[in-house]
């Protein structure tokens, strides 16, 4: 096993919702370096925010090799509001993440996937902004990336995403206001 830390340690539920809106967040990340900051932020919100409480469940990517942990991810994503993933570049595990999340993607309020394999990145959505059609001919963003790639020569998917993030502000003015705002918010999530 990649780590001896059980995923249940990264599961935080508020002690008392007190009539607040409960948001359920599920995340999958490569390494645990942000775990303490995430846990501290969630605990602070649960202790002090009068309107929102957060239940969060986190998984390290390699933990998904364990059938019990993978079943936990599958169970948790069914009722989640928000899904976050980062650095999902191991193909067999990326396929597991997509298989677990894709059936419930449309039920999620937000799905933000930071640089990962293309299939995992396609899970991203925020409001009317979606990366589901990324690389398909009907996607305006996909067409934009193809044109940029053709001008710059061959490059990786990650290079394409970085170019998209760098040039998205320039194309926002051509999108309807709602889509532009959602695309902007998606872009800001990378900060």
C-alpha atoms as a PDB file:
ATOM      1  CA  UNK A   1       0.000   0.000   0.000  1.00  0.00           C
ATOM      2  CA  UNK A   2       1.217   3.498  -0.832  1.00  0.00           C
ATOM      3  CA  UNK A   3       0.304   4.781   2.609  1.00  0.00           C
ATOM      4  CA  UNK A   4      -0.653   3.324   5.962  1.00  0.00           C
ATOM      5  CA  UNK A   5      -3.126   6.121   6.664  1.00  0.00           C
ATOM      6  CA  UNK A   6      -6.729   4.964   6.387  1.00  0.00           C
ATOM      7  CA  UNK A   7      -9.109   7.135   4.362  1.00  0.00           C
ATOM      8  CA  UNK A   8     -11.438   7.268   7.370  1.00  0.00           C
ATOM      9  CA  UNK A   9      -8.927   9.613   9.028  1.00  0.00           C
ATOM     10  CA  UNK A  10      -9.619  12.108   6.268  1.00  0.00           C
ATOM     11  CA  UNK A  11     -13.369  11.963   6.729  1.00  0.00           C
ATOM     12  CA  UNK A  12     -14.733  14.936   8.653  1.00  0.00           C
ATOM     13  CA  UNK A  13     -18.373  15.468   9.543  1.00  0.00           C
ATOM     14  CA  UNK A  14     -19.680  18.472  11.463  1.00  0.00           C
ATOM     15  CA  UNK A  15     -20.584  17.753  15.073  1.00  0.00           C
ATOM     16  CA  UNK A  16     -23.792  19.728  14.696  1.00  0.00           C
ATOM     17  CA  UNK A  17     -25.269  21.046  11.429  1.00  0.00           C
ATOM     18  CA  UNK A  18     -27.515  23.472  13.419  1.00  0.00           C
ATOM     19  CA  UNK A  19     -29.865  24.059  10.480  1.00  0.00           C
ATOM     20  CA  UNK A  20     -27.024  25.082   8.153  1.00  0.00           C
ATOM     21  CA  UNK A  21     -26.674  23.985   4.529  1.00  0.00           C
ATOM     22  CA  UNK A  22     -24.598  20.798   4.490  1.00  0.00           C
ATOM     23  CA  UNK A  23     -22.166  20.449   1.593  1.00  0.00           C
ATOM     24  CA  UNK A  24     -20.635  17.061   0.942  1.00  0.00           C
ATOM     25  CA  UNK A  25     -17.183  17.162  -0.639  1.00  0.00           C
ATOM     26  CA  UNK A  26     -15.218  14.186  -1.963  1.00  0.00           C
ATOM     27  CA  UNK A  27     -11.647  14.483  -3.172  1.00  0.00           C
ATOM     28  CA  UNK A  28      -8.966  12.252  -4.655  1.00  0.00           C
ATOM     29  CA  UNK A  29      -5.371  13.457  -4.692  1.00  0.00           C
ATOM     30  CA  UNK A  30      -1.984  11.966  -5.443  1.00  0.00           C
ATOM     31  CA  UNK A  31      -0.247  12.897  -2.180  1.00  0.00           C
ATOM     32  CA  UNK A  32      -1.378  13.982   1.296  1.00  0.00           C
ATOM     33  CA  UNK A  33       0.566  17.276   1.527  1.00  0.00           C
ATOM     34  CA  UNK A  34      -2.576  19.464   1.604  1.00  0.00           C
ATOM     35  CA  UNK A  35      -4.526  17.217   3.962  1.00  0.00           C
ATOM     36  CA  UNK A  36      -3.817  19.153   7.152  1.00  0.00           C
ATOM     37  CA  UNK A  37      -4.718  22.500   5.523  1.00  0.00           C
ATOM     38  CA  UNK A  38      -7.961  21.064   4.114  1.00  0.00           C
ATOM     39  CA  UNK A  39      -8.865  19.511   7.460  1.00  0.00           C
ATOM     40  CA  UNK A  40      -8.153  22.774   9.320  1.00  0.00           C
ATOM     41  CA  UNK A  41     -10.245  24.773   6.840  1.00  0.00           C
ATOM     42  CA  UNK A  42     -13.187  22.361   7.060  1.00  0.00           C
ATOM     43  CA  UNK A  43     -13.031  22.332  10.861  1.00  0.00           C
ATOM     44  CA  UNK A  44     -12.936  26.155  10.948  1.00  0.00           C
ATOM     45  CA  UNK A  45     -15.940  26.388   8.632  1.00  0.00           C
ATOM     46  CA  UNK A  46     -17.859  23.821  10.673  1.00  0.00           C
ATOM     47  CA  UNK A  47     -17.033  25.626  13.925  1.00  0.00           C
ATOM     48  CA  UNK A  48     -17.660  29.217  12.817  1.00  0.00           C
ATOM     49  CA  UNK A  49     -19.721  29.551   9.632  1.00  0.00           C
ATOM     50  CA  UNK A  50     -23.370  30.321  10.424  1.00  0.00           C
ATOM     51  CA  UNK A  51     -24.736  29.228   7.019  1.00  0.00           C
ATOM     52  CA  UNK A  52     -22.664  26.303   5.768  1.00  0.00           C
ATOM     53  CA  UNK A  53     -21.348  23.061   7.226  1.00  0.00           C
ATOM     54  CA  UNK A  54     -19.055  20.683   5.338  1.00  0.00           C
ATOM     55  CA  UNK A  55     -18.730  16.937   5.343  1.00  0.00           C
ATOM     56  CA  UNK A  56     -15.551  15.925   3.533  1.00  0.00           C
ATOM     57  CA  UNK A  57     -14.077  12.596   2.497  1.00  0.00           C
ATOM     58  CA  UNK A  58     -10.593  12.380   1.059  1.00  0.00           C
ATOM     59  CA  UNK A  59      -8.744   9.617  -0.719  1.00  0.00           C
ATOM     60  CA  UNK A  60      -5.162   9.253  -1.818  1.00  0.00           C
ATOM     61  CA  UNK A  61      -5.000   7.905  -5.349  1.00  0.00           C
ATOM     62  CA  UNK A  62      -3.065   4.742  -4.478  1.00  0.00           C
ATOM     63  CA  UNK A  63      -5.618   3.904  -1.764  1.00  0.00           C
ATOM     64  CA  UNK A  64      -8.147   3.199  -4.504  1.00  0.00           C
ATOM     65  CA  UNK A  65      -6.332  -0.069  -5.215  1.00  0.00           C
ATOM     66  CA  UNK A  66      -7.864  -1.362  -1.988  1.00  0.00           C
ATOM     67  CA  UNK A  67     -11.406  -2.655  -2.735  1.00  0.00           C
ATOM     68  CA  UNK A  68     -12.762  -1.301   0.559  1.00  0.00           C
ATOM     69  CA  UNK A  69     -11.454   2.212  -0.127  1.00  0.00           C
ATOM     70  CA  UNK A  70     -12.716   2.127  -3.717  1.00  0.00           C
ATOM     71  CA  UNK A  71     -16.157   1.026  -2.522  1.00  0.00           C
ATOM     72  CA  UNK A  72     -16.056   3.952  -0.073  1.00  0.00           C
ATOM     73  CA  UNK A  73     -15.352   6.396  -2.917  1.00  0.00           C
ATOM     74  CA  UNK A  74     -18.178   4.918  -4.974  1.00  0.00           C
ATOM     75  CA  UNK A  75     -20.565   5.203  -2.028  1.00  0.00           C
ATOM     76  CA  UNK A  76     -19.505   8.746  -1.058  1.00  0.00           C
ATOM     77  CA  UNK A  77     -19.722  10.207  -4.574  1.00  0.00           C
ATOM     78  CA  UNK A  78     -23.387   9.209  -4.855  1.00  0.00           C
ATOM     79  CA  UNK A  79     -24.452  11.913  -2.387  1.00  0.00           C
ATOM     80  CA  UNK A  80     -21.653  14.449  -2.895  1.00  0.00           C
ATOM     81  CA  UNK A  81     -22.170  18.070  -3.898  1.00  0.00           C
ATOM     82  CA  UNK A  82     -18.557  18.734  -4.873  1.00  0.00           C
ATOM     83  CA  UNK A  83     -15.828  16.525  -6.328  1.00  0.00           C
ATOM     84  CA  UNK A  84     -12.179  17.590  -6.442  1.00  0.00           C
ATOM     85  CA  UNK A  85      -9.270  15.660  -7.941  1.00  0.00           C
ATOM     86  CA  UNK A  86      -5.653  16.447  -8.641  1.00  0.00           C
ATOM     87  CA  UNK A  87      -2.696  14.807 -10.364  1.00  0.00           C
ATOM     88  CA  UNK A  88      -4.477  11.637 -11.472  1.00  0.00           C
ATOM     89  CA  UNK A  89      -1.922  10.314 -13.975  1.00  0.00           C
ATOM     90  CA  UNK A  90      -1.808   6.570 -13.227  1.00  0.00           C
ATOM     91  CA  UNK A  91      -3.942   5.078 -15.996  1.00  0.00           C
ATOM     92  CA  UNK A  92      -5.604   2.167 -14.170  1.00  0.00           C
ATOM     93  CA  UNK A  93      -6.455   4.396 -11.207  1.00  0.00           C
ATOM     94  CA  UNK A  94      -7.650   7.209 -13.479  1.00  0.00           C
ATOM     95  CA  UNK A  95     -10.052   4.710 -15.047  1.00  0.00           C
ATOM     96  CA  UNK A  96     -11.321   3.799 -11.566  1.00  0.00           C
ATOM     97  CA  UNK A  97     -11.910   7.463 -10.709  1.00  0.00           C
ATOM     98  CA  UNK A  98     -13.815   8.035 -13.947  1.00  0.00           C
ATOM     99  CA  UNK A  99     -15.867   4.852 -13.437  1.00  0.00           C
ATOM    100  CA  UNK A 100     -16.815   5.949  -9.908  1.00  0.00           C
ATOM    101  CA  UNK A 101     -17.569   9.611 -10.648  1.00  0.00           C
ATOM    102  CA  UNK A 102     -18.950   9.713 -14.216  1.00  0.00           C
ATOM    103  CA  UNK A 103     -22.349   8.136 -13.387  1.00  0.00           C
ATOM    104  CA  UNK A 104     -22.976  10.863 -10.776  1.00  0.00           C
ATOM    105  CA  UNK A 105     -21.276  13.802 -12.507  1.00  0.00           C
ATOM    106  CA  UNK A 106     -24.530  15.444 -13.565  1.00  0.00           C
ATOM    107  CA  UNK A 107     -25.790  15.312  -9.957  1.00  0.00           C
ATOM    108  CA  UNK A 108     -22.723  17.146  -8.643  1.00  0.00           C
ATOM    109  CA  UNK A 109     -22.937  20.909  -8.159  1.00  0.00           C
ATOM    110  CA  UNK A 110     -19.242  21.281  -8.998  1.00  0.00           C
ATOM    111  CA  UNK A 111     -16.460  18.992 -10.178  1.00  0.00           C
ATOM    112  CA  UNK A 112     -12.988  20.486 -10.378  1.00  0.00           C
ATOM    113  CA  UNK A 113     -10.136  18.344 -11.633  1.00  0.00           C
ATOM    114  CA  UNK A 114      -6.709  19.889 -11.514  1.00  0.00           C
ATOM    115  CA  UNK A 115      -4.146  18.656 -14.058  1.00  0.00           C
ATOM    116  CA  UNK A 116      -4.787  14.974 -14.608  1.00  0.00           C
ATOM    117  CA  UNK A 117      -5.296  12.532 -17.463  1.00  0.00           C
ATOM    118  CA  UNK A 118      -7.746  13.793 -20.121  1.00  0.00           C
ATOM    119  CA  UNK A 119     -10.542  11.367 -19.172  1.00  0.00           C
ATOM    120  CA  UNK A 120     -10.423  12.609 -15.578  1.00  0.00           C
ATOM    121  CA  UNK A 121     -10.208  16.270 -16.656  1.00  0.00           C
ATOM    122  CA  UNK A 122     -13.423  15.765 -18.646  1.00  0.00           C
ATOM    123  CA  UNK A 123     -15.270  15.275 -15.353  1.00  0.00           C
ATOM    124  CA  UNK A 124     -14.772  19.001 -14.611  1.00  0.00           C
ATOM    125  CA  UNK A 125     -17.828  21.225 -14.541  1.00  0.00           C
ATOM    126  CA  UNK A 126     -18.838  24.439 -12.867  1.00  0.00           C
ATOM    127  CA  UNK A 127     -22.206  25.980 -13.580  1.00  0.00           C
ATOM    128  CA  UNK A 128     -22.632  26.060 -17.355  1.00  0.00           C
ATOM    129  CA  UNK A 129     -18.898  25.478 -17.918  1.00  0.00           C
ATOM    130  CA  UNK A 130     -17.928  21.899 -18.674  1.00  0.00           C
ATOM    131  CA  UNK A 131     -14.878  20.078 -19.942  1.00  0.00           C
ATOM    132  CA  UNK A 132     -16.963  16.999 -20.877  1.00  0.00           C
ATOM    133  CA  UNK A 133     -16.547  17.650 -24.606  1.00  0.00           C
ATOM    134  CA  UNK A 134     -12.871  18.506 -24.364  1.00  0.00           C
ATOM    135  CA  UNK A 135     -11.171  17.320 -27.529  1.00  0.00           C
ATOM    136  CA  UNK A 136     -14.421  16.635 -29.358  1.00  0.00           C
ATOM    137  CA  UNK A 137     -15.225  18.574 -32.516  1.00  0.00           C
ATOM    138  CA  UNK A 138     -18.392  20.180 -31.085  1.00  0.00           C
ATOM    139  CA  UNK A 139     -16.573  21.801 -28.180  1.00  0.00           C
ATOM    140  CA  UNK A 140     -15.640  25.457 -28.661  1.00  0.00           C
ATOM    141  CA  UNK A 141     -12.890  25.083 -26.077  1.00  0.00           C
ATOM    142  CA  UNK A 142     -11.702  21.864 -27.731  1.00  0.00           C
ATOM    143  CA  UNK A 143     -11.539  23.604 -31.108  1.00  0.00           C
ATOM    144  CA  UNK A 144      -9.671  26.515 -29.557  1.00  0.00           C
ATOM    145  CA  UNK A 145      -7.136  24.122 -28.016  1.00  0.00           C
ATOM    146  CA  UNK A 146      -6.705  22.261 -31.315  1.00  0.00           C
ATOM    147  CA  UNK A 147      -5.994  25.533 -33.150  1.00  0.00           C
ATOM    148  CA  UNK A 148      -3.512  26.608 -30.475  1.00  0.00           C
ATOM    149  CA  UNK A 149      -1.830  23.200 -30.598  1.00  0.00           C
ATOM    150  CA  UNK A 150      -1.596  23.334 -34.405  1.00  0.00           C
ATOM    151  CA  UNK A 151       0.067  26.750 -34.220  1.00  0.00           C
ATOM    152  CA  UNK A 152       2.464  25.734 -31.467  1.00  0.00           C
ATOM    153  CA  UNK A 153       3.263  22.273 -32.803  1.00  0.00           C
ATOM    154  CA  UNK A 154       2.792  18.978 -31.025  1.00  0.00           C
ATOM    155  CA  UNK A 155       2.474  19.154 -27.281  1.00  0.00           C
ATOM    156  CA  UNK A 156       1.090  17.258 -24.348  1.00  0.00           C
ATOM    157  CA  UNK A 157      -2.397  17.480 -22.936  1.00  0.00           C
ATOM    158  CA  UNK A 158      -0.935  19.261 -19.912  1.00  0.00           C
ATOM    159  CA  UNK A 159       0.658  21.859 -22.187  1.00  0.00           C
ATOM    160  CA  UNK A 160      -2.734  22.340 -23.830  1.00  0.00           C
ATOM    161  CA  UNK A 161      -4.436  22.850 -20.475  1.00  0.00           C
ATOM    162  CA  UNK A 162      -1.838  25.391 -19.421  1.00  0.00           C
ATOM    163  CA  UNK A 163      -2.303  27.254 -22.702  1.00  0.00           C
ATOM    164  CA  UNK A 164      -6.060  27.130 -22.212  1.00  0.00           C
ATOM    165  CA  UNK A 165      -5.740  28.586 -18.714  1.00  0.00           C
ATOM    166  CA  UNK A 166      -3.392  31.290 -20.000  1.00  0.00           C
ATOM    167  CA  UNK A 167      -5.560  32.259 -22.965  1.00  0.00           C
ATOM    168  CA  UNK A 168      -9.044  31.675 -21.544  1.00  0.00           C
ATOM    169  CA  UNK A 169      -9.287  35.269 -20.279  1.00  0.00           C
ATOM    170  CA  UNK A 170      -8.890  36.452 -23.898  1.00  0.00           C
ATOM    171  CA  UNK A 171     -11.762  34.305 -25.194  1.00  0.00           C
ATOM    172  CA  UNK A 172     -14.170  34.987 -22.316  1.00  0.00           C
ATOM    173  CA  UNK A 173     -15.384  38.152 -24.027  1.00  0.00           C
ATOM    174  CA  UNK A 174     -16.762  35.999 -26.863  1.00  0.00           C
ATOM    175  CA  UNK A 175     -18.849  33.792 -24.561  1.00  0.00           C
ATOM    176  CA  UNK A 176     -22.323  34.605 -23.209  1.00  0.00           C
ATOM    177  CA  UNK A 177     -22.064  36.327 -19.821  1.00  0.00           C
ATOM    178  CA  UNK A 178     -23.212  33.274 -17.816  1.00  0.00           C
ATOM    179  CA  UNK A 179     -20.759  30.922 -19.512  1.00  0.00           C
ATOM    180  CA  UNK A 180     -17.997  33.495 -19.270  1.00  0.00           C
ATOM    181  CA  UNK A 181     -18.500  33.857 -15.512  1.00  0.00           C
ATOM    182  CA  UNK A 182     -18.566  30.083 -14.972  1.00  0.00           C
ATOM    183  CA  UNK A 183     -15.433  29.637 -17.120  1.00  0.00           C
ATOM    184  CA  UNK A 184     -13.735  32.430 -15.169  1.00  0.00           C
ATOM    185  CA  UNK A 185     -14.649  30.783 -11.847  1.00  0.00           C
ATOM    186  CA  UNK A 186     -13.301  27.461 -13.113  1.00  0.00           C
ATOM    187  CA  UNK A 187     -10.067  29.155 -14.141  1.00  0.00           C
ATOM    188  CA  UNK A 188      -9.778  30.894 -10.741  1.00  0.00           C
ATOM    189  CA  UNK A 189     -10.128  27.525  -8.993  1.00  0.00           C
ATOM    190  CA  UNK A 190      -6.668  26.659 -10.358  1.00  0.00           C
ATOM    191  CA  UNK A 191      -5.200  29.453  -8.234  1.00  0.00           C
END
